[in-house]
Amino acid sequence: MKLRVLGCSGGIGQGLHTSSYMIDDDILLDAGTGVGDLSLQEMHQLKHIFITHSHMDHVLSIPLLVDTLFSDLQDQPLLVYARAETIKTLKEHIFNWQLWPDFTELPSKENPSLKLIEMNPGDVVSVGERHIEMVDVNHTVPASAYIVESASRVFAYSGDTTTNDNLWDRLNQYSGLDFMIVETAFSEEEIELARLAKHYCPSLLAQDLKKLKHKTRIGVSHLKPGDEEHIFKQCCNEVNNEHELCHLASDDHFQI
């Protein structure tokens, strides 16, 4: 299972893109601004997108991607999996014929170029030999993490979340965990803002990682632009070698 980081930042700037991760060549976990760095040939290989939640930094590229690939989606639509609440937001606020055309009805309702598929926490979608499970997490809107299992290898992506038990309990039910991406949006100095926005800061992340039985390598994501090194250093201090942390960057590649 190959993993490519298209975007992992909590904002935008030169070299910074928002959340999107490519599994092998055909699956995206979230579709933030990082999708725009793919070549047209790479975009044409995408078939499935799993969305964690409805916030713009995680869904921004979906309408542009469908528009770009439109002529290539007549026989096989782009499949987007998300919670019912997320689909409702996408339909009402993006694919509404005002902000963007409704590609679930183009070129026709019977033959759309985009399909929005409801997925619930606990559901598992199999794409070839990869099995993607949705797990409920704790954010300001209904949000999910994803656990991807393939050939006995396990990868997890937290999406946006803060203190919770559900994600860690579910991960502990797996026999192992080979790599994980976890967000830490705010520094320790902004812990109250982190709590209000329902994101992790270093100490909140460290507290939750104590719930994880597996010792694994963890990619830290969603750091606020300009404060990345400071936040990552605080994460290392708080976690204190209990797990191997790595500071993610756009176009990082991992073999899981």
Protein backbone atom coordinates (compact mmCIF):
# COMPACT_ATOMS: atom_id res chain seq x y z
CA MET A 1 0.00 0.00 0.00
CA LYS A 2 1.49 3.31 -1.12
CA LEU A 3 0.67 6.61 0.59
CA ARG A 4 1.40 10.02 -0.92
CA VAL A 5 0.85 13.24 0.99
CA LEU A 6 -0.78 15.76 -1.34
CA GLY A 7 -1.60 18.26 1.41
CA CYS A 8 -1.20 18.20 5.18
CA SER A 9 -1.18 21.84 6.26
CA GLY A 10 -3.66 23.74 8.39
CA GLY A 11 -3.66 26.53 5.79
CA ILE A 12 -2.19 27.65 2.49
CA GLY A 13 1.00 29.35 1.36
CA GLN A 14 3.93 28.61 -0.91
CA GLY A 15 4.47 24.85 -0.73
CA LEU A 16 1.57 24.45 1.69
CA HIS A 17 -1.63 22.60 0.80
CA THR A 18 -4.62 21.50 2.82
CA SER A 19 -5.56 17.93 3.69
CA SER A 20 -5.48 15.27 1.00
CA TYR A 21 -3.78 11.87 0.94
CA MET A 22 -3.54 9.45 -1.97
CA ILE A 23 -3.65 5.68 -1.42
CA ASP A 24 -1.95 3.88 -4.28
CA ASP A 25 -3.09 5.63 -7.48
CA ASP A 26 -6.87 5.57 -7.26
CA ILE A 27 -8.04 6.58 -3.75
CA LEU A 28 -8.07 9.93 -1.98
CA LEU A 29 -8.62 10.47 1.72
CA ASP A 30 -10.01 14.02 1.71
CA ALA A 31 -9.67 16.41 -1.21
CA GLY A 32 -8.11 19.66 -0.05
CA THR A 33 -5.97 22.01 -2.13
CA GLY A 34 -3.15 19.46 -2.50
CA VAL A 35 -5.07 17.65 -5.25
CA GLY A 36 -4.12 20.50 -7.58
CA ASP A 37 -0.50 19.34 -7.62
CA LEU A 38 -1.43 16.11 -9.41
CA SER A 39 -0.84 15.85 -13.13
CA LEU A 40 -3.85 15.40 -15.37
CA GLN A 41 -2.78 11.80 -15.96
CA GLU A 42 -2.69 11.19 -12.21
CA MET A 43 -6.09 12.82 -11.75
CA HIS A 44 -7.60 10.54 -14.36
CA GLN A 45 -6.59 7.52 -12.29
CA LEU A 46 -8.61 8.66 -9.26
CA LYS A 47 -11.81 6.66 -8.73
CA HIS A 48 -12.72 6.96 -5.03
CA ILE A 49 -12.67 9.80 -2.48
CA PHE A 50 -13.32 9.25 1.21
CA ILE A 51 -14.22 12.50 2.99
CA THR A 52 -13.74 12.96 6.74
CA HIS A 53 -16.04 15.97 7.16
CA SER A 54 -17.52 18.96 5.37
CA HIS A 55 -15.03 21.74 6.14
CA MET A 56 -13.70 23.55 3.09
CA ASP A 57 -10.04 22.65 3.56
CA HIS A 58 -11.00 18.97 3.15
CA VAL A 59 -13.46 19.19 0.22
CA LEU A 60 -12.31 22.17 -1.85
CA SER A 61 -10.95 20.17 -4.79
CA ILE A 62 -13.96 17.92 -5.33
CA PRO A 63 -15.95 20.30 -7.57
CA LEU A 64 -12.88 21.33 -9.55
CA LEU A 65 -11.75 17.72 -9.93
CA VAL A 66 -15.12 16.57 -11.27
CA ASP A 67 -15.19 19.48 -13.69
CA THR A 68 -11.66 18.68 -14.90
CA LEU A 69 -12.41 14.98 -15.36
CA PHE A 70 -15.97 15.41 -16.67
CA SER A 71 -15.43 13.94 -20.14
CA ASP A 72 -13.70 10.93 -18.57
CA LEU A 73 -16.53 10.20 -16.12
CA GLN A 74 -19.31 9.27 -18.53
CA ASP A 75 -18.85 5.52 -18.12
CA GLN A 76 -17.63 5.46 -14.53
CA PRO A 77 -18.53 8.34 -12.18
CA LEU A 78 -16.22 9.60 -9.46
CA LEU A 79 -17.34 7.96 -6.21
CA VAL A 80 -17.31 10.13 -3.08
CA TYR A 81 -17.99 8.44 0.27
CA ALA A 82 -19.06 10.52 3.26
CA ARG A 83 -21.43 10.73 6.19
CA ALA A 84 -25.03 11.72 5.47
CA GLU A 85 -24.48 15.10 7.14
CA THR A 86 -21.46 15.79 4.94
CA ILE A 87 -23.33 14.83 1.78
CA LYS A 88 -26.18 17.14 2.77
CA THR A 89 -23.72 20.03 3.14
CA LEU A 90 -22.07 19.29 -0.21
CA LYS A 91 -25.45 19.22 -1.95
CA GLU A 92 -26.78 22.36 -0.29
CA HIS A 93 -23.69 24.55 -0.42
CA ILE A 94 -21.49 23.39 -3.30
CA PHE A 95 -23.35 21.26 -5.86
CA ASN A 96 -26.41 23.54 -5.81
CA TRP A 97 -26.33 25.11 -9.32
CA GLN A 98 -25.31 28.42 -7.72
CA LEU A 99 -21.84 27.94 -6.30
CA TRP A 100 -21.19 25.03 -8.69
CA PRO A 101 -23.16 22.81 -11.10
CA ASP A 102 -24.72 19.72 -9.59
CA PHE A 103 -22.59 17.00 -11.13
CA THR A 104 -24.78 14.34 -9.51
CA GLU A 105 -27.21 15.31 -12.30
CA LEU A 106 -24.74 15.87 -15.15
CA PRO A 107 -24.78 14.81 -17.88
CA SER A 108 -28.03 13.33 -16.53
CA LYS A 109 -29.53 12.00 -13.30
CA GLU A 110 -29.44 8.52 -14.80
CA ASN A 111 -25.78 8.85 -15.83
CA PRO A 112 -24.08 11.26 -13.40
CA SER A 113 -20.38 12.08 -13.36
CA LEU A 114 -20.37 12.20 -9.56
CA LYS A 115 -21.95 9.86 -7.03
CA LEU A 116 -22.19 10.81 -3.34
CA ILE A 117 -22.38 7.59 -1.36
CA GLU A 118 -23.52 7.59 2.25
CA MET A 119 -21.22 5.85 4.69
CA ASN A 120 -21.74 5.45 8.42
CA PRO A 121 -19.25 4.95 11.26
CA GLY A 122 -18.48 1.24 11.44
CA ASP A 123 -19.03 0.71 7.72
CA VAL A 124 -16.23 -0.84 5.67
CA VAL A 125 -15.84 -0.24 1.94
CA SER A 126 -13.61 -2.61 0.00
CA VAL A 127 -11.74 -1.28 -3.02
CA GLY A 128 -9.81 -4.18 -4.46
CA GLU A 129 -7.72 -5.58 -1.61
CA ARG A 130 -7.98 -2.39 0.46
CA HIS A 131 -10.60 -2.21 3.17
CA ILE A 132 -11.51 1.27 4.41
CA GLU A 133 -13.38 1.60 7.70
CA MET A 134 -15.08 4.80 8.87
CA VAL A 135 -14.69 5.63 12.57
CA ASP A 136 -16.53 8.36 14.46
CA VAL A 137 -14.40 11.17 15.96
CA ASN A 138 -14.96 14.44 17.83
CA HIS A 139 -15.04 17.70 15.85
CA THR A 140 -17.26 20.78 15.48
CA VAL A 141 -19.25 19.08 12.70
CA PRO A 142 -19.96 15.35 12.24
CA ALA A 143 -16.54 13.93 11.38
CA SER A 144 -14.80 10.63 10.87
CA ALA A 145 -11.42 9.01 10.79
CA TYR A 146 -10.51 6.22 8.38
CA ILE A 147 -8.62 2.98 8.95
CA VAL A 148 -7.22 1.35 5.82
CA GLU A 149 -6.20 -2.31 5.89
CA SER A 150 -4.45 -4.09 3.04
CA ALA A 151 -2.36 -7.28 3.01
CA SER A 152 -2.27 -7.30 6.83
CA ARG A 153 -0.90 -3.75 6.90
CA VAL A 154 -2.90 -1.08 8.74
CA PHE A 155 -2.89 2.68 8.24
CA ALA A 156 -5.07 5.22 10.07
CA TYR A 157 -5.95 8.84 9.32
CA SER A 158 -7.60 10.86 12.08
CA GLY A 159 -9.07 13.65 9.96
CA ASP A 160 -9.91 16.60 12.21
CA THR A 161 -10.61 15.71 15.82
CA THR A 162 -9.80 16.38 19.44
CA THR A 163 -9.99 14.34 22.64
CA ASN A 164 -12.04 11.18 22.12
CA ASP A 165 -12.05 7.50 23.05
CA ASN A 166 -13.73 5.97 20.04
CA LEU A 167 -10.83 6.20 17.57
CA TRP A 168 -8.30 4.74 19.98
CA ASP A 169 -10.62 1.99 21.15
CA ARG A 170 -11.21 0.91 17.56
CA LEU A 171 -7.51 1.00 16.69
CA ASN A 172 -6.75 -1.17 19.69
CA GLN A 173 -9.03 -3.84 18.25
CA TYR A 174 -6.66 -4.25 15.30
CA SER A 175 -3.73 -6.62 15.75
CA GLY A 176 -1.30 -3.88 14.77
CA LEU A 177 -0.94 -0.36 13.40
CA ASP A 178 1.83 0.34 10.90
CA PHE A 179 1.44 4.09 10.36
CA MET A 180 -0.94 6.83 11.42
CA ILE A 181 -1.57 10.46 10.50
CA VAL A 182 -2.93 12.63 13.31
CA GLU A 183 -3.74 16.31 13.25
CA THR A 184 -2.32 18.84 15.73
CA ALA A 185 -3.57 22.21 14.61
CA PHE A 186 -2.61 24.47 17.50
CA SER A 187 0.31 25.13 19.80
CA GLU A 188 0.19 24.63 23.54
CA GLU A 189 -0.23 28.39 23.99
CA GLU A 190 -3.56 28.12 22.14
CA ILE A 191 -4.98 25.17 24.06
CA GLU A 192 -8.25 26.97 24.77
CA LEU A 193 -8.71 27.72 21.08
CA ALA A 194 -7.92 24.08 20.32
CA ARG A 195 -10.63 22.97 22.74
CA LEU A 196 -13.12 25.45 21.27
CA ALA A 197 -12.35 24.48 17.66
CA LYS A 198 -12.14 20.78 18.61
CA HIS A 199 -8.62 20.21 17.36
CA TYR A 200 -5.61 18.71 19.07
CA CYS A 201 -2.77 20.68 20.57
CA PRO A 202 0.39 18.82 21.69
CA SER A 203 -0.69 18.00 25.25
CA LEU A 204 -4.18 16.89 24.18
CA LEU A 205 -2.64 14.67 21.51
CA ALA A 206 -0.18 13.16 23.98
CA GLN A 207 -2.98 12.40 26.43
CA ASP A 208 -4.97 10.55 23.76
CA LEU A 209 -1.95 8.66 22.44
CA LYS A 210 -1.63 7.05 25.87
CA LYS A 211 -4.88 5.25 25.02
CA LEU A 212 -3.24 3.58 22.01
CA LYS A 213 -1.83 0.12 22.74
CA HIS A 214 0.22 -0.04 19.53
CA LYS A 215 3.57 1.72 19.36
CA THR A 216 3.81 3.10 15.86
CA ARG A 217 5.15 5.82 13.60
CA ILE A 218 2.93 8.89 13.55
CA GLY A 219 2.81 11.65 10.97
CA VAL A 220 1.77 14.97 12.50
CA SER A 221 -0.47 17.03 10.22
CA HIS A 222 -2.69 20.13 10.00
CA LEU A 223 -0.18 22.42 11.75
CA LYS A 224 -0.94 26.12 11.35
CA PRO A 225 1.27 27.88 8.77
CA GLY A 226 4.17 29.79 10.29
CA ASP A 227 3.95 27.88 13.57
CA GLU A 228 4.79 24.42 12.30
CA GLU A 229 8.24 23.93 13.84
CA HIS A 230 7.10 25.24 17.20
CA ILE A 231 4.03 22.96 17.30
CA PHE A 232 5.99 19.91 16.14
CA LYS A 233 8.72 20.47 18.75
CA GLN A 234 6.03 20.70 21.44
CA CYS A 235 4.51 17.45 20.16
CA CYS A 236 7.88 15.70 20.44
CA ASN A 237 8.33 17.00 23.98
CA GLU A 238 4.83 15.96 25.07
CA VAL A 239 4.88 12.51 23.44
CA ASN A 240 8.42 11.97 24.79
CA ASN A 241 9.56 9.10 22.55
CA GLU A 242 6.52 6.93 23.25
CA HIS A 243 5.96 6.96 19.49
CA GLU A 244 8.14 7.97 16.55
CA LEU A 245 6.82 11.29 15.25
CA CYS A 246 7.47 12.70 11.79
CA HIS A 247 6.64 16.17 10.53
CA LEU A 248 4.66 15.62 7.32
CA ALA A 249 5.22 17.70 4.20
CA SER A 250 3.52 17.84 0.83
CA ASP A 251 4.72 15.13 -1.58
CA ASP A 252 6.02 12.86 1.16
CA HIS A 253 5.78 9.22 0.08
CA PHE A 254 5.39 6.18 2.32
CA GLN A 255 5.28 2.46 1.66
CA ILE A 256 3.02 0.92 4.30
